[in-house]
Amino acid sequence: MRADSLKRITVEQGKCGGRPCIRGHRLRVSDLLELLANGAGVDEILTDYEFLEREDIYVAMEYAAHQVDHTVLQMS
């Protein structure tokens, strides 16, 4: 992930329980991903959340992809 992209993801103590948000707004990365997972389109989200930029949505997806990209050890 590019460092300039990561600037769009913020974590602030006392805001949204310290969870990753979009550019300091009270919209968590997980909220944005849930909207997408439930069928909301990018243009619809941008209309509903006027402070968002298209790049915010793509960076949130990239951030999530990096968060889950790790080895999973399975115990037998």
Protein backbone atom coordinates (compact mmCIF):
# COMPACT_ATOMS: atom_id res chain seq x y z
CA MET A 1 0.00 0.00 0.00
CA ARG A 2 1.29 3.45 -0.86
CA ALA A 3 2.01 5.76 2.08
CA ASP A 4 -0.02 8.59 0.54
CA SER A 5 -3.03 6.25 0.30
CA LEU A 6 -2.73 5.35 3.96
CA LYS A 7 -3.21 9.01 4.88
CA ARG A 8 -6.87 8.51 3.98
CA ILE A 9 -7.24 5.92 6.76
CA THR A 10 -7.13 7.47 10.22
CA VAL A 11 -7.23 6.01 13.71
CA GLU A 12 -7.96 8.42 16.54
CA GLN A 13 -8.30 7.63 20.19
CA GLY A 14 -11.86 8.33 21.32
CA LYS A 15 -13.32 8.36 17.81
CA CYS A 16 -15.31 5.32 16.66
CA GLY A 17 -13.71 3.21 19.39
CA GLY A 18 -10.26 3.66 17.89
CA ARG A 19 -11.25 1.82 14.73
CA PRO A 20 -9.94 2.84 11.29
CA CYS A 21 -12.00 5.66 9.74
CA ILE A 22 -12.00 7.58 6.51
CA ARG A 23 -10.00 10.84 6.71
CA GLY A 24 -10.98 11.64 10.28
CA HIS A 25 -14.72 11.43 9.61
CA ARG A 26 -16.94 9.25 11.74
CA LEU A 27 -17.30 6.69 8.96
CA ARG A 28 -15.40 3.53 9.75
CA VAL A 29 -13.68 1.51 7.06
CA SER A 30 -15.87 -1.42 8.13
CA ASP A 31 -19.05 0.68 7.61
CA LEU A 32 -17.97 1.52 4.09
CA LEU A 33 -17.13 -2.12 3.32
CA GLU A 34 -20.51 -3.25 4.66
CA LEU A 35 -22.27 -0.79 2.37
CA LEU A 36 -20.41 -2.25 -0.60
CA ALA A 37 -21.03 -5.84 0.53
CA ASN A 38 -24.75 -5.13 0.76
CA GLY A 39 -24.94 -3.94 -2.82
CA ALA A 40 -24.49 -0.18 -2.57
CA GLY A 41 -22.70 1.16 -5.61
CA VAL A 42 -19.78 3.56 -5.48
CA ASP A 43 -21.82 6.41 -6.99
CA GLU A 44 -24.66 5.79 -4.51
CA ILE A 45 -22.25 5.92 -1.58
CA LEU A 46 -20.66 9.11 -2.89
CA THR A 47 -24.12 10.70 -3.15
CA ASP A 48 -25.12 9.65 0.37
CA TYR A 49 -21.80 10.67 1.97
CA GLU A 50 -20.90 13.95 0.29
CA PHE A 51 -17.58 14.26 2.17
CA LEU A 52 -16.28 11.04 0.59
CA GLU A 53 -14.10 10.95 -2.47
CA ARG A 54 -13.95 8.05 -4.90
CA GLU A 55 -10.35 7.34 -3.87
CA ASP A 56 -11.51 6.90 -0.23
CA ILE A 57 -13.60 3.92 -1.25
CA TYR A 58 -10.81 2.25 -3.20
CA VAL A 59 -8.29 2.87 -0.41
CA ALA A 60 -10.69 1.34 2.13
CA MET A 61 -10.92 -1.83 0.03
CA GLU A 62 -7.15 -1.93 -0.40
CA TYR A 63 -6.65 -1.40 3.35
CA ALA A 64 -9.01 -4.29 4.12
CA ALA A 65 -7.24 -6.56 1.65
CA HIS A 66 -3.91 -5.88 3.37
CA GLN A 67 -5.43 -6.50 6.81
CA VAL A 68 -6.52 -10.02 5.89
CA ASP A 69 -3.39 -10.92 3.92
CA HIS A 70 -1.61 -13.10 6.44
CA THR A 71 -0.93 -16.74 7.06
CA VAL A 72 -3.63 -18.62 8.95
CA LEU A 73 -2.37 -21.46 11.11
CA GLN A 74 -4.84 -24.28 11.50
CA MET A 75 -4.74 -26.50 14.54
CA SER A 76 -5.70 -30.13 14.02
